[in-house]
């Protein structure tokens, strides 16, 4: 078991939080920035909106509380004070914590295990909303907006939330995000592709291993962005819809089958242990767009049919990897793994207990993006514990759904005091009769 991983991260959290900008002057500093930031993180990690009030009650009754023992919070501030003090803090002040977690995944060996075809590391990019409102009173200078024909205005916040994915792994590894916000000196509203370019410029060196492939939907299959990816030393593997790339699609269909346009057919066991037919097509060195300066890419397509010939799946991709009969299935599997950023990351954050789209507090400056970052960090730490902490993994498997796990965590920390994370995990293992207590089952 490695319960120490949680304690180590909280120690690093407190060191980072202690250095957050503090606009207070004079003697009005009863609550430290470390206590304020850790209090907010504790709420997201436990996914218990009442966690802090529960701990205040426990302190009054017992003279001790789980906020102090688990999260190193000396003094518990109220919710409004937390929001007020964190509003001026930019989310980037917390980004080094993603690096701490990334190092933990690396030390556990997961990052190497997740390498895919050609031993490449797959990094999926996608944008997601984490706040929206049509209220005239709830918005800030960092909001994006949609002006509807009927006169309504939707203010929203969104971000690119990159994750490392792999066809053979259900877990994803969160990386530093990039927020889509109005940019200084720019007249046009910020967009996903511009944010992706900023993410590359800021983090390519940090995450480059010399063999990394960016995954993205059809929006990213855009010549200027593909060139940017190559410029920073990454490979790309992007969804490429015929409807949005008519020149490329027409060029491919005009190629000579068997000579320039290659095919491969495989029979594969699918869902329900039923046979499915995989038909691959691919062509190398085809122009992405019209014109003499068109970027040459490699194109592939997979069509999956059942025994009756009905199409179950069809999609096409572009990449800079040379495509052969030996790697076509692996490349397509890697391209399809892009969906894990939706299914195992963004959807989990929104629907499986983290409530990413809930308005935890909007503020007037950076509060919304900072709170979203806390939620991302909580998700990342839970993922790291699932990889490195045997007790946590056994409990999660026994309890089942994330929401149920959070309910258990909320109830236990509300009514019982635990001296440390290891004691909490031991208590939960005993209750679930797993780990060292499994043999006690009759």
Protein backbone atom coordinates (compact mmCIF):
# COMPACT_ATOMS: atom_id res chain seq x y z
CA UNK A 1 0.00 0.00 0.00
CA UNK A 2 1.14 3.55 -0.63
CA UNK A 3 -1.06 5.81 1.47
CA UNK A 4 1.93 8.13 1.77
CA UNK A 5 1.23 9.40 -1.77
CA UNK A 6 -1.79 11.36 -0.56
CA UNK A 7 0.13 12.93 2.33
CA UNK A 8 3.01 13.91 0.05
CA UNK A 9 0.69 15.67 -2.35
CA UNK A 10 -1.04 17.60 0.42
CA UNK A 11 2.37 18.72 1.70
CA UNK A 12 3.27 19.98 -1.77
CA UNK A 13 -0.20 21.57 -2.04
CA UNK A 14 0.37 23.52 1.14
CA UNK A 15 3.78 24.76 -0.07
CA UNK A 16 2.29 25.97 -3.36
CA UNK A 17 -0.78 27.46 -1.69
CA UNK A 18 1.37 29.39 0.78
CA UNK A 19 2.90 31.27 -2.14
CA UNK A 20 -0.36 32.37 -3.75
CA UNK A 21 -0.83 36.13 -4.28
CA UNK A 22 -2.42 37.84 -1.29
CA UNK A 23 -3.87 41.31 -1.70
CA UNK A 24 -4.54 41.81 1.98
CA UNK A 25 -2.66 44.50 3.85
CA UNK A 26 -2.18 45.22 7.51
CA UNK A 27 -3.19 42.71 10.18
CA UNK A 28 -6.28 41.30 8.46
CA UNK A 29 -4.66 37.91 7.78
CA UNK A 30 -6.27 35.58 10.30
CA UNK A 31 -6.59 32.84 7.64
CA UNK A 32 -3.47 32.03 5.67
CA UNK A 33 -3.63 31.64 1.88
CA UNK A 34 -2.56 28.04 2.40
CA UNK A 35 -5.58 27.36 4.64
CA UNK A 36 -7.89 29.15 2.22
CA UNK A 37 -6.71 27.26 -0.86
CA UNK A 38 -6.52 23.88 0.88
CA UNK A 39 -10.03 24.37 2.27
CA UNK A 40 -11.34 24.85 -1.26
CA UNK A 41 -9.40 21.82 -2.50
CA UNK A 42 -10.72 19.66 0.35
CA UNK A 43 -14.30 20.39 -0.73
CA UNK A 44 -13.52 19.31 -4.30
CA UNK A 45 -11.52 16.25 -3.28
CA UNK A 46 -14.26 14.97 -0.97
CA UNK A 47 -17.00 16.33 -3.26
CA UNK A 48 -18.79 17.31 -0.07
CA UNK A 49 -20.19 20.88 -0.17
CA UNK A 50 -20.62 20.73 3.61
CA UNK A 51 -17.18 19.30 4.40
CA UNK A 52 -15.87 22.48 6.04
CA UNK A 53 -18.96 23.05 8.18
CA UNK A 54 -18.87 19.38 9.26
CA UNK A 55 -15.26 19.85 10.38
CA UNK A 56 -16.08 23.04 12.26
CA UNK A 57 -18.75 21.12 14.18
CA UNK A 58 -16.30 18.31 14.89
CA UNK A 59 -13.74 20.80 16.16
CA UNK A 60 -16.27 22.28 18.58
CA UNK A 61 -17.30 18.84 19.83
CA UNK A 62 -13.95 17.02 19.91
CA UNK A 63 -11.26 19.69 19.66
CA UNK A 64 -9.97 18.08 16.48
CA UNK A 65 -11.14 17.67 12.89
CA UNK A 66 -10.40 15.94 9.60
CA UNK A 67 -9.65 19.18 7.76
CA UNK A 68 -6.53 19.51 9.90
CA UNK A 69 -5.53 15.83 10.07
CA UNK A 70 -6.10 15.00 6.40
CA UNK A 71 -5.59 18.32 4.58
CA UNK A 72 -3.28 20.23 6.97
CA UNK A 73 -5.82 23.08 7.35
CA UNK A 74 -5.07 24.94 10.57
CA UNK A 75 -8.00 27.37 10.51
CA UNK A 76 -11.19 26.81 8.53
CA UNK A 77 -12.44 29.92 6.67
CA UNK A 78 -16.04 30.41 5.58
CA UNK A 79 -17.11 29.82 1.97
CA UNK A 80 -17.54 33.51 1.18
CA UNK A 81 -14.07 34.37 2.45
CA UNK A 82 -12.59 31.56 0.36
CA UNK A 83 -14.26 32.91 -2.78
CA UNK A 84 -13.26 36.48 -2.01
CA UNK A 85 -9.61 35.60 -1.46
CA UNK A 86 -9.26 33.22 -4.42
CA UNK A 87 -11.01 35.43 -6.98
CA UNK A 88 -7.86 37.49 -7.79
CA UNK A 89 -5.66 34.37 -8.12
CA UNK A 90 -4.99 33.15 -11.66
CA UNK A 91 -5.32 29.41 -12.17
CA UNK A 92 -1.78 29.19 -13.54
CA UNK A 93 -0.44 29.60 -9.99
CA UNK A 94 -1.59 26.02 -9.35
CA UNK A 95 -0.28 24.44 -12.54
CA UNK A 96 2.90 23.12 -10.92
CA UNK A 97 0.68 20.69 -9.00
CA UNK A 98 -0.20 18.98 -12.27
CA UNK A 99 3.54 18.41 -12.67
CA UNK A 100 3.72 16.83 -9.20
CA UNK A 101 0.94 14.43 -10.15
CA UNK A 102 2.51 13.77 -13.56
CA UNK A 103 5.73 12.76 -11.81
CA UNK A 104 3.72 10.40 -9.62
CA UNK A 105 2.22 8.69 -12.66
CA UNK A 106 5.68 8.42 -14.19
CA UNK A 107 7.19 6.87 -11.04
CA UNK A 108 4.33 4.35 -10.94
CA UNK A 109 5.24 3.25 -14.49
CA UNK A 110 1.82 4.11 -15.92
CA UNK A 111 3.07 6.60 -18.51
CA UNK A 112 5.33 3.99 -20.11
CA UNK A 113 2.61 1.34 -19.94
CA UNK A 114 0.27 3.68 -21.81
CA UNK A 115 2.50 4.05 -24.86
CA UNK A 116 0.66 2.98 -27.97
CA UNK A 117 1.53 2.02 -31.56
CA UNK A 118 5.13 2.90 -32.51
CA UNK A 119 5.76 3.38 -28.77
CA UNK A 120 4.24 6.84 -28.99
CA UNK A 121 2.57 8.71 -26.15
CA UNK A 122 -0.95 9.85 -27.00
CA UNK A 123 -2.11 13.27 -25.80
CA UNK A 124 -5.76 14.04 -26.54
CA UNK A 125 -6.91 17.65 -26.86
CA UNK A 126 -10.50 18.78 -26.52
CA UNK A 127 -12.38 21.77 -25.14
CA UNK A 128 -15.20 21.61 -22.63
CA UNK A 129 -17.49 24.14 -20.95
CA UNK A 130 -17.31 24.38 -17.18
CA UNK A 131 -19.72 27.28 -16.60
CA UNK A 132 -22.62 28.90 -18.46
CA UNK A 133 -25.33 31.40 -17.56
CA UNK A 134 -27.89 33.59 -19.28
CA UNK A 135 -28.20 35.82 -16.23
CA UNK A 136 -27.33 39.46 -16.82
CA UNK A 137 -25.66 39.57 -13.40
CA UNK A 138 -23.44 36.50 -13.50
CA UNK A 139 -20.47 37.05 -15.80
CA UNK A 140 -16.95 38.45 -15.68
CA UNK A 141 -14.35 39.96 -18.04
CA UNK A 142 -12.96 36.46 -18.70
CA UNK A 143 -16.29 35.09 -19.97
CA UNK A 144 -16.87 34.14 -23.57
CA UNK A 145 -20.35 34.79 -24.91
CA UNK A 146 -22.87 33.63 -27.47
CA UNK A 147 -25.41 36.18 -28.68
CA UNK A 148 -28.59 34.40 -29.70
CA UNK A 149 -30.90 35.56 -32.47
CA UNK A 150 -33.74 36.12 -30.02
CA UNK A 151 -31.61 38.59 -28.06
CA UNK A 152 -30.42 36.38 -25.21
CA UNK A 153 -26.73 36.23 -24.32
CA UNK A 154 -25.08 33.12 -22.89
CA UNK A 155 -21.93 33.81 -20.92
CA UNK A 156 -19.67 30.81 -20.53
CA UNK A 157 -16.23 29.58 -19.58
CA UNK A 158 -14.42 26.78 -21.38
CA UNK A 159 -10.98 25.21 -21.41
CA UNK A 160 -8.86 22.68 -23.21
CA UNK A 161 -8.29 19.83 -20.76
CA UNK A 162 -5.53 17.64 -22.26
CA UNK A 163 -5.09 14.08 -21.06
CA UNK A 164 -2.73 11.22 -21.85
CA UNK A 165 -4.76 8.30 -23.20
CA UNK A 166 -4.14 4.79 -24.45
CA UNK A 167 -6.29 2.22 -26.29
CA UNK A 168 -5.48 -0.35 -23.64
CA UNK A 169 -6.18 1.71 -20.53
CA UNK A 170 -9.41 3.03 -19.05
CA UNK A 171 -7.59 5.64 -16.96
CA UNK A 172 -6.48 8.98 -18.35
CA UNK A 173 -3.70 11.23 -17.03
CA UNK A 174 -4.70 14.92 -16.78
CA UNK A 175 -2.18 17.55 -17.88
CA UNK A 176 -2.04 21.32 -17.48
CA UNK A 177 -5.16 22.91 -19.00
CA UNK A 178 -5.43 25.96 -21.24
CA UNK A 179 -8.33 28.32 -20.62
CA UNK A 180 -10.27 29.85 -23.49
CA UNK A 181 -10.58 33.48 -22.48
CA UNK A 182 -10.52 36.91 -24.16
CA UNK A 183 -6.91 37.66 -25.12
CA UNK A 184 -5.26 41.05 -24.65
CA UNK A 185 -5.03 42.99 -27.90
CA UNK A 186 -7.33 40.61 -29.76
CA UNK A 187 -10.56 41.88 -31.29
CA UNK A 188 -11.97 38.44 -32.10
CA UNK A 189 -13.27 36.18 -29.36
CA UNK A 190 -10.85 33.47 -28.26
CA UNK A 191 -11.43 29.99 -29.67
CA UNK A 192 -10.44 26.38 -29.13
CA UNK A 193 -7.82 26.21 -31.88
CA UNK A 194 -6.06 29.37 -30.65
CA UNK A 195 -6.05 27.98 -27.13
CA UNK A 196 -4.55 24.74 -28.47
CA UNK A 197 -1.77 26.74 -30.13
CA UNK A 198 -1.07 28.52 -26.84
CA UNK A 199 -1.01 25.17 -25.03
CA UNK A 200 1.56 23.87 -27.52
CA UNK A 201 3.73 26.96 -27.18
CA UNK A 202 3.60 26.86 -23.39
CA UNK A 203 3.85 23.13 -22.70
CA UNK A 204 5.38 21.28 -25.67
CA UNK A 205 8.80 21.30 -24.01
CA UNK A 206 7.36 20.16 -20.68
CA UNK A 207 5.53 17.13 -22.06
CA UNK A 208 7.74 16.16 -24.99
CA UNK A 209 9.40 12.76 -24.71
CA UNK A 210 10.64 12.68 -28.31
CA UNK A 211 7.81 10.41 -29.41
CA UNK A 212 4.44 12.00 -28.71
CA UNK A 213 1.27 12.17 -30.81
CA UNK A 214 -1.51 14.70 -30.42
CA UNK A 215 -5.08 13.45 -30.90
CA UNK A 216 -8.00 15.70 -31.74
CA UNK A 217 -11.33 15.87 -33.50
CA UNK A 218 -11.92 17.23 -36.99
CA UNK A 219 -11.41 20.83 -35.81
CA UNK A 220 -7.71 20.11 -35.32
CA UNK A 221 -7.25 18.63 -38.82
CA UNK A 222 -6.43 22.16 -39.97
CA UNK A 223 -3.29 22.84 -42.00
CA UNK A 224 -1.88 25.72 -39.89
CA UNK A 225 -2.37 23.77 -36.67
CA UNK A 226 -0.86 20.58 -38.12
CA UNK A 227 2.20 22.61 -39.11
CA UNK A 228 2.40 23.99 -35.57
CA UNK A 229 2.33 20.47 -34.16
CA UNK A 230 5.21 19.40 -36.39
CA UNK A 231 7.14 22.58 -35.59
CA UNK A 232 7.10 21.66 -31.89
CA UNK A 233 8.34 18.13 -32.58
CA UNK A 234 5.05 16.28 -32.03
CA UNK A 235 3.23 13.86 -34.31
CA UNK A 236 -0.47 14.28 -35.02
CA UNK A 237 -3.40 11.91 -35.54
CA UNK A 238 -6.63 13.82 -36.07
CA UNK A 239 -10.14 12.86 -37.08
CA UNK A 240 -10.77 13.98 -40.67
CA UNK A 241 -14.35 14.19 -41.92
CA UNK A 242 -14.90 14.04 -45.70
CA UNK A 243 -17.51 16.81 -45.45
CA UNK A 244 -15.01 19.31 -44.05
CA UNK A 245 -12.10 18.16 -46.23
CA UNK A 246 -13.62 17.77 -49.71
CA UNK A 247 -10.33 18.25 -51.59
CA UNK A 248 -8.56 15.54 -49.59
CA UNK A 249 -11.56 13.22 -49.87
CA UNK A 250 -11.79 13.70 -53.62
CA UNK A 251 -8.06 13.12 -54.04
CA UNK A 252 -8.22 9.85 -52.08
CA UNK A 253 -11.17 8.50 -54.03
CA UNK A 254 -9.31 9.21 -57.30
CA UNK A 255 -6.31 7.09 -56.28
CA UNK A 256 -5.71 3.74 -57.91
CA UNK A 257 -6.83 0.90 -55.61
CA UNK A 258 -4.11 -1.57 -54.74
CA UNK A 259 -1.33 0.71 -55.93
CA UNK A 260 -1.80 4.06 -54.21
CA UNK A 261 -4.90 3.30 -52.16
CA UNK A 262 -4.30 0.28 -49.92
CA UNK A 263 -6.81 -1.94 -48.14
CA UNK A 264 -6.81 -4.50 -45.37
CA UNK A 265 -9.67 -6.65 -44.08
CA UNK A 266 -9.77 -8.25 -40.65
CA UNK A 267 -12.29 -10.36 -38.76
CA UNK A 268 -12.49 -9.24 -35.12
CA UNK A 269 -14.50 -10.35 -32.08
CA UNK A 270 -16.66 -7.38 -31.02
CA UNK A 271 -19.28 -6.71 -28.37
CA UNK A 272 -21.22 -9.71 -27.21
CA UNK A 273 -18.41 -11.91 -28.57
CA UNK A 274 -19.83 -11.48 -32.07
CA UNK A 275 -17.69 -11.34 -35.17
CA UNK A 276 -17.25 -7.96 -36.82
CA UNK A 277 -15.55 -7.08 -40.09
CA UNK A 278 -12.91 -4.35 -40.08
CA UNK A 279 -12.05 -2.83 -43.45
CA UNK A 280 -9.12 -0.42 -43.49
CA UNK A 281 -8.18 1.90 -46.34
CA UNK A 282 -5.12 4.15 -46.38
CA UNK A 283 -2.96 6.32 -48.61
CA UNK A 284 0.30 8.10 -47.87
CA UNK A 285 1.50 11.51 -49.03
CA UNK A 286 -1.79 13.12 -50.04
CA UNK A 287 -2.51 16.89 -49.94
CA UNK A 288 -4.58 18.14 -47.00
CA UNK A 289 -5.79 21.19 -48.96
CA UNK A 290 -5.65 22.69 -52.43
CA UNK A 291 -2.61 24.60 -53.68
CA UNK A 292 1.09 24.10 -54.20
CA UNK A 293 1.83 24.79 -50.52
CA UNK A 294 -0.56 22.11 -49.28
CA UNK A 295 0.72 19.99 -46.40
CA UNK A 296 1.17 16.35 -47.39
CA UNK A 297 -0.43 13.98 -44.89
CA UNK A 298 -1.16 10.29 -44.57
CA UNK A 299 -4.83 9.31 -44.59
CA UNK A 300 -6.62 6.24 -43.26
CA UNK A 301 -10.18 5.05 -42.77
CA UNK A 302 -11.88 2.27 -40.84
CA UNK A 303 -15.32 0.84 -41.60
CA UNK A 304 -16.74 -1.73 -39.17
CA UNK A 305 -19.70 -3.90 -40.22
CA UNK A 306 -21.52 -6.76 -38.55
CA UNK A 307 -22.29 -10.16 -40.00
CA UNK A 308 -25.32 -8.78 -41.86
CA UNK A 309 -23.27 -6.00 -43.48
CA UNK A 310 -24.72 -3.14 -41.41
CA UNK A 311 -22.20 -0.36 -40.74
CA UNK A 312 -21.41 -0.11 -37.02
CA UNK A 313 -18.64 2.48 -37.24
CA UNK A 314 -16.87 4.57 -39.84
CA UNK A 315 -14.24 7.23 -39.37
CA UNK A 316 -11.19 8.66 -41.12
CA UNK A 317 -7.97 10.16 -39.78
CA UNK A 318 -4.94 12.10 -40.98
CA UNK A 319 -1.46 11.71 -39.53
CA UNK A 320 2.18 12.39 -40.24
CA UNK A 321 3.02 8.77 -39.32
CA UNK A 322 3.69 6.64 -42.42
CA UNK A 323 0.91 4.09 -42.67
CA UNK A 324 1.62 0.44 -43.48
CA UNK A 325 -0.24 -2.84 -43.30
CA UNK A 326 1.71 -3.55 -40.12
CA UNK A 327 0.65 -0.44 -38.20
CA UNK A 328 -2.74 0.54 -39.67
CA UNK A 329 -4.80 -1.19 -36.99
CA UNK A 330 -2.67 0.30 -34.20
CA UNK A 331 -2.86 3.81 -35.64
CA UNK A 332 -6.64 3.65 -35.98
CA UNK A 333 -6.96 2.27 -32.45
CA UNK A 334 -4.87 5.20 -31.27
CA UNK A 335 -7.07 7.64 -33.19
CA UNK A 336 -10.20 6.13 -31.69
CA UNK A 337 -8.70 6.49 -28.20
CA UNK A 338 -9.34 10.23 -28.53
CA UNK A 339 -12.85 9.53 -27.27
CA UNK A 340 -11.40 8.74 -23.87
CA UNK A 341 -10.98 12.47 -23.24
CA UNK A 342 -14.78 12.62 -23.48
CA UNK A 343 -15.77 9.34 -21.87
CA UNK A 344 -13.10 9.00 -19.17
CA UNK A 345 -12.37 12.66 -18.46
CA UNK A 346 -14.84 15.41 -19.38
CA UNK A 347 -17.98 13.30 -18.96
CA UNK A 348 -16.67 11.91 -15.66
CA UNK A 349 -16.04 15.45 -14.44
CA UNK A 350 -19.54 16.53 -15.43
CA UNK A 351 -21.74 13.53 -14.65
CA UNK A 352 -19.91 11.10 -12.32
CA UNK A 353 -19.61 13.10 -9.13
CA UNK A 354 -17.31 16.08 -9.77
CA UNK A 355 -20.07 18.46 -10.98
CA UNK A 356 -17.67 20.42 -13.19
CA UNK A 357 -20.44 22.53 -14.72
CA UNK A 358 -21.93 23.53 -11.36
CA UNK A 359 -21.55 27.20 -10.47
CA UNK A 360 -19.39 26.93 -7.35
CA UNK A 361 -18.81 30.67 -7.50
CA UNK A 362 -18.13 32.93 -10.41
CA UNK A 363 -16.43 35.98 -8.98
CA UNK A 364 -15.32 39.09 -10.84
CA UNK A 365 -11.85 37.99 -11.96
CA UNK A 366 -10.45 34.45 -11.98
CA UNK A 367 -12.57 32.53 -9.48
CA UNK A 368 -14.41 30.38 -12.00
CA UNK A 369 -11.24 29.10 -13.72
CA UNK A 370 -9.43 28.65 -10.40
CA UNK A 371 -12.23 26.51 -8.96
CA UNK A 372 -12.33 24.48 -12.18
CA UNK A 373 -8.59 23.90 -11.77
CA UNK A 374 -9.13 22.67 -8.21
CA UNK A 375 -11.70 20.21 -9.55
CA UNK A 376 -9.27 19.00 -12.23
CA UNK A 377 -6.56 18.54 -9.60
CA UNK A 378 -8.95 16.59 -7.38
CA UNK A 379 -9.82 14.31 -10.30
CA UNK A 380 -6.13 13.85 -11.08
CA UNK A 381 -5.25 13.01 -7.47
CA UNK A 382 -8.08 10.45 -7.27
CA UNK A 383 -6.72 8.89 -10.47
CA UNK A 384 -3.17 8.79 -9.09
CA UNK A 385 -4.41 7.12 -5.89
CA UNK A 386 -6.23 4.52 -7.95
CA UNK A 387 -2.90 3.71 -9.62
CA UNK A 388 -0.55 3.89 -6.62
CA UNK A 389 -2.60 3.26 -3.45
CA UNK A 390 -3.67 -0.38 -3.14
CA UNK A 391 -6.10 0.33 -0.31
CA UNK A 392 -7.80 3.10 -2.29
CA UNK A 393 -8.07 0.87 -5.35
CA UNK A 394 -9.63 -1.99 -3.38
CA UNK A 395 -12.15 0.34 -1.74
CA UNK A 396 -13.12 1.95 -5.04
CA UNK A 397 -13.65 -1.48 -6.59
CA UNK A 398 -15.77 -2.61 -3.65
CA UNK A 399 -17.90 0.54 -3.42
CA UNK A 400 -18.48 0.89 -7.16
CA UNK A 401 -19.66 4.16 -8.67
CA UNK A 402 -17.68 7.32 -7.92
CA UNK A 403 -20.76 9.05 -6.56
CA UNK A 404 -21.24 6.27 -4.04
CA UNK A 405 -17.58 6.48 -3.02
CA UNK A 406 -17.95 10.22 -2.44
CA UNK A 407 -21.07 9.60 -0.36
CA UNK A 408 -19.11 7.20 1.85
CA UNK A 409 -16.25 9.69 2.13
CA UNK A 410 -18.64 12.49 3.11
CA UNK A 411 -20.44 10.44 5.76
CA UNK A 412 -17.31 9.03 7.33
CA UNK A 413 -15.42 12.31 7.55
CA UNK A 414 -18.52 14.05 8.93
CA UNK A 415 -18.92 11.72 11.92
CA UNK A 416 -15.53 10.06 12.56
CA UNK A 417 -12.14 11.55 13.14
CA UNK A 418 -9.17 10.03 11.36
CA UNK A 419 -5.60 10.79 12.33
CA UNK A 420 -4.36 10.44 8.76
CA UNK A 421 -5.26 9.17 5.28
CA UNK A 422 -3.93 5.67 5.99
CA UNK A 423 -6.26 5.29 8.97
CA UNK A 424 -9.24 6.39 6.87
CA UNK A 425 -8.35 3.88 4.15
CA UNK A 426 -7.91 1.14 6.76
CA UNK A 427 -11.32 1.93 8.27
CA UNK A 428 -12.99 1.75 4.85
CA UNK A 429 -11.23 -1.52 3.96
CA UNK A 430 -12.43 -3.02 7.23
CA UNK A 431 -15.99 -1.90 6.51
CA UNK A 432 -15.90 -3.28 2.97
CA UNK A 433 -14.05 -6.44 4.06
CA UNK A 434 -11.33 -6.08 1.45
CA UNK A 435 -7.52 -6.16 1.53
CA UNK A 436 -6.21 -7.51 4.84
CA UNK A 437 -9.79 -7.98 6.05
CA UNK A 438 -10.99 -10.07 3.10
CA UNK A 439 -10.21 -13.38 4.86
CA UNK A 440 -12.66 -12.56 7.62
CA UNK A 441 -15.59 -13.11 5.27
CA UNK A 442 -17.60 -16.19 6.13
